[in-house]
């Protein structure tokens, strides 16, 4: 049996984890991070950002083909 996780599922799994990491480390990372709007540190902001990165990834796969080993 093959087990696969689609990019949408990955996004759903990542959003709360990435959000929590950014919120917990916001002050600590501030000296090295670019200025980010407050919306970046919301669940919705992270969901939008992750969805965009996954779309970009999928477009490269569809356009360029899967990575070669």
N, C-alpha and C. Protein backbone atom coordinates (compact mmCIF):
# COMPACT_ATOMS: atom_id res chain seq x y z
N UNK A 1 0.85 -1.17 0.00
CA UNK A 1 0.00 0.00 0.00
C UNK A 1 0.89 1.24 0.00
N UNK A 2 0.59 2.18 -0.87
CA UNK A 2 1.35 3.41 -0.97
C UNK A 2 0.70 4.50 -0.13
N UNK A 3 1.51 5.25 0.57
CA UNK A 3 1.00 6.34 1.40
C UNK A 3 1.53 7.65 0.85
N UNK A 4 0.62 8.55 0.47
CA UNK A 4 1.04 9.86 -0.03
C UNK A 4 0.27 10.94 0.69
N UNK A 5 0.91 12.08 0.80
CA UNK A 5 0.27 13.25 1.38
C UNK A 5 0.32 14.34 0.33
N UNK A 6 -0.82 14.90 -0.01
CA UNK A 6 -0.86 15.97 -0.99
C UNK A 6 -0.37 17.27 -0.40
N UNK A 7 -0.07 18.22 -1.29
CA UNK A 7 0.44 19.50 -0.81
C UNK A 7 -0.57 20.24 0.05
N UNK A 8 -1.86 20.08 -0.24
CA UNK A 8 -2.88 20.74 0.59
C UNK A 8 -2.83 20.19 2.01
N UNK A 9 -2.66 18.88 2.14
CA UNK A 9 -2.56 18.26 3.47
C UNK A 9 -1.32 18.73 4.20
N UNK A 10 -0.22 18.85 3.47
CA UNK A 10 1.01 19.33 4.09
C UNK A 10 0.80 20.74 4.61
N UNK A 11 0.15 21.58 3.83
CA UNK A 11 -0.12 22.95 4.26
C UNK A 11 -0.95 22.99 5.53
N UNK A 12 -1.98 22.17 5.59
CA UNK A 12 -2.85 22.13 6.77
C UNK A 12 -2.05 21.70 7.99
N UNK A 13 -1.15 20.76 7.81
CA UNK A 13 -0.33 20.29 8.92
C UNK A 13 0.72 21.32 9.35
N UNK A 14 1.26 22.05 8.39
CA UNK A 14 2.33 23.00 8.69
C UNK A 14 1.87 24.31 9.32
N UNK A 15 0.71 24.79 8.95
CA UNK A 15 0.27 26.13 9.38
C UNK A 15 0.36 26.32 10.89
N UNK A 16 -0.25 25.48 11.72
CA UNK A 16 -0.17 25.75 13.16
C UNK A 16 1.25 25.63 13.71
N UNK A 17 2.05 24.75 13.14
CA UNK A 17 3.42 24.59 13.62
C UNK A 17 4.29 25.79 13.27
N UNK A 18 4.19 26.25 12.03
CA UNK A 18 4.98 27.41 11.61
C UNK A 18 4.52 28.66 12.35
N UNK A 19 3.21 28.82 12.48
CA UNK A 19 2.66 29.96 13.20
C UNK A 19 3.20 29.99 14.63
N UNK A 20 3.12 28.87 15.32
CA UNK A 20 3.59 28.81 16.71
C UNK A 20 5.08 29.12 16.81
N UNK A 21 5.86 28.62 15.87
CA UNK A 21 7.31 28.87 15.89
C UNK A 21 7.62 30.35 15.69
N UNK A 22 6.95 30.98 14.73
CA UNK A 22 7.20 32.41 14.50
C UNK A 22 6.76 33.26 15.69
N UNK A 23 5.61 32.95 16.26
CA UNK A 23 5.12 33.73 17.40
C UNK A 23 6.06 33.56 18.60
N UNK A 24 6.46 32.32 18.87
CA UNK A 24 7.32 32.05 20.03
C UNK A 24 8.70 32.69 19.89
N UNK A 25 9.17 32.84 18.66
CA UNK A 25 10.53 33.34 18.44
C UNK A 25 10.59 34.74 17.84
N UNK A 26 9.47 35.42 17.78
CA UNK A 26 9.40 36.73 17.12
C UNK A 26 10.43 37.71 17.67
N UNK A 27 10.46 37.91 18.96
CA UNK A 27 11.40 38.87 19.56
C UNK A 27 12.85 38.41 19.40
N UNK A 28 13.08 37.13 19.62
CA UNK A 28 14.45 36.61 19.53
C UNK A 28 15.01 36.79 18.11
N UNK A 29 14.20 36.49 17.09
CA UNK A 29 14.66 36.55 15.71
C UNK A 29 14.65 37.96 15.12
N UNK A 30 14.02 38.90 15.80
CA UNK A 30 13.86 40.26 15.26
C UNK A 30 15.15 40.89 14.73
N UNK A 31 16.29 40.75 15.41
CA UNK A 31 17.50 41.39 14.89
C UNK A 31 17.96 40.84 13.53
N UNK A 32 17.56 39.62 13.18
CA UNK A 32 18.03 39.00 11.94
C UNK A 32 16.96 38.89 10.87
N UNK A 33 15.73 39.08 11.24
CA UNK A 33 14.61 38.96 10.30
C UNK A 33 14.31 40.31 9.66
N UNK A 34 13.79 40.29 8.42
CA UNK A 34 13.32 41.55 7.85
C UNK A 34 12.08 42.01 8.61
N UNK A 35 11.75 43.29 8.49
CA UNK A 35 10.51 43.77 9.11
C UNK A 35 9.34 43.03 8.48
N UNK A 36 8.45 42.53 9.32
CA UNK A 36 7.28 41.81 8.83
C UNK A 36 6.04 42.47 9.42
N UNK A 37 4.97 42.56 8.62
CA UNK A 37 3.73 43.15 9.15
C UNK A 37 3.13 42.23 10.21
N UNK A 38 2.31 42.80 11.08
CA UNK A 38 1.66 42.00 12.12
C UNK A 38 0.87 40.84 11.53
N UNK A 39 0.32 41.01 10.33
CA UNK A 39 -0.46 39.94 9.69
C UNK A 39 0.37 38.69 9.42
N UNK A 40 1.69 38.85 9.29
CA UNK A 40 2.58 37.71 9.08
C UNK A 40 2.52 36.75 10.26
N UNK A 41 2.28 37.28 11.44
CA UNK A 41 2.32 36.49 12.67
C UNK A 41 0.95 35.95 13.07
N UNK A 42 0.03 35.89 12.12
CA UNK A 42 -1.30 35.32 12.38
C UNK A 42 -1.40 33.97 11.70
N UNK A 43 -2.35 33.16 12.15
CA UNK A 43 -2.59 31.87 11.50
C UNK A 43 -2.96 32.09 10.04
N UNK A 44 -3.83 33.06 9.78
CA UNK A 44 -4.24 33.34 8.40
C UNK A 44 -3.05 33.79 7.55
N UNK A 45 -2.19 34.61 8.12
CA UNK A 45 -1.01 35.05 7.39
C UNK A 45 -0.08 33.91 7.04
N UNK A 46 0.10 32.99 7.96
CA UNK A 46 0.95 31.83 7.69
C UNK A 46 0.28 30.88 6.70
N UNK A 47 -1.04 30.73 6.80
CA UNK A 47 -1.76 29.87 5.86
C UNK A 47 -1.59 30.40 4.44
N UNK A 48 -1.70 31.71 4.28
CA UNK A 48 -1.55 32.33 2.96
C UNK A 48 -0.12 32.15 2.44
N UNK A 49 0.84 32.37 3.30
CA UNK A 49 2.25 32.25 2.91
C UNK A 49 2.59 30.81 2.52
N UNK A 50 2.16 29.85 3.31
CA UNK A 50 2.45 28.45 3.02
C UNK A 50 1.73 28.00 1.76
N UNK A 51 0.48 28.42 1.58
CA UNK A 51 -0.26 28.06 0.37
C UNK A 51 0.46 28.59 -0.87
N UNK A 52 0.96 29.81 -0.80
CA UNK A 52 1.69 30.39 -1.93
C UNK A 52 2.97 29.61 -2.22
N UNK A 53 3.72 29.25 -1.19
CA UNK A 53 4.95 28.47 -1.40
C UNK A 53 4.64 27.10 -2.00
N UNK A 54 3.55 26.47 -1.55
CA UNK A 54 3.17 25.17 -2.10
C UNK A 54 2.72 25.29 -3.55
N UNK A 55 2.01 26.38 -3.88
CA UNK A 55 1.62 26.62 -5.29
C UNK A 55 2.87 26.79 -6.15
N UNK A 56 3.82 27.57 -5.67
CA UNK A 56 5.06 27.77 -6.42
C UNK A 56 5.79 26.44 -6.62
N UNK A 57 5.83 25.63 -5.58
CA UNK A 57 6.47 24.32 -5.68
C UNK A 57 5.77 23.45 -6.72
N UNK A 58 4.45 23.40 -6.66
CA UNK A 58 3.68 22.58 -7.60
C UNK A 58 3.86 23.07 -9.03
N UNK A 59 3.89 24.37 -9.23
CA UNK A 59 4.09 24.92 -10.57
C UNK A 59 5.46 24.54 -11.13
N UNK A 60 6.47 24.55 -10.31
CA UNK A 60 7.80 24.14 -10.78
C UNK A 60 7.82 22.67 -11.16
N UNK A 61 7.16 21.85 -10.36
CA UNK A 61 7.10 20.42 -10.66
C UNK A 61 6.37 20.21 -11.98
N UNK A 62 5.23 20.89 -12.15
CA UNK A 62 4.46 20.72 -13.38
C UNK A 62 5.19 21.30 -14.58
N UNK A 63 5.88 22.41 -14.39
CA UNK A 63 6.57 23.06 -15.50
C UNK A 63 7.88 22.38 -15.83
N UNK A 64 8.68 22.09 -14.83
CA UNK A 64 10.02 21.55 -15.04
C UNK A 64 10.09 20.03 -14.93
N UNK A 65 9.05 19.41 -14.42
CA UNK A 65 9.09 17.98 -14.17
C UNK A 65 9.64 17.69 -12.79
N UNK A 66 9.49 16.47 -12.32
CA UNK A 66 9.97 16.13 -10.99
C UNK A 66 11.50 16.22 -10.93
N UNK A 67 12.04 16.47 -9.74
CA UNK A 67 13.50 16.53 -9.61
C UNK A 67 14.12 15.19 -9.96
N UNK A 68 15.29 15.24 -10.57
CA UNK A 68 15.97 13.98 -10.90
C UNK A 68 16.85 13.56 -9.74
N UNK A 69 17.04 12.28 -9.61
CA UNK A 69 17.89 11.75 -8.52
C UNK A 69 19.32 11.72 -8.93
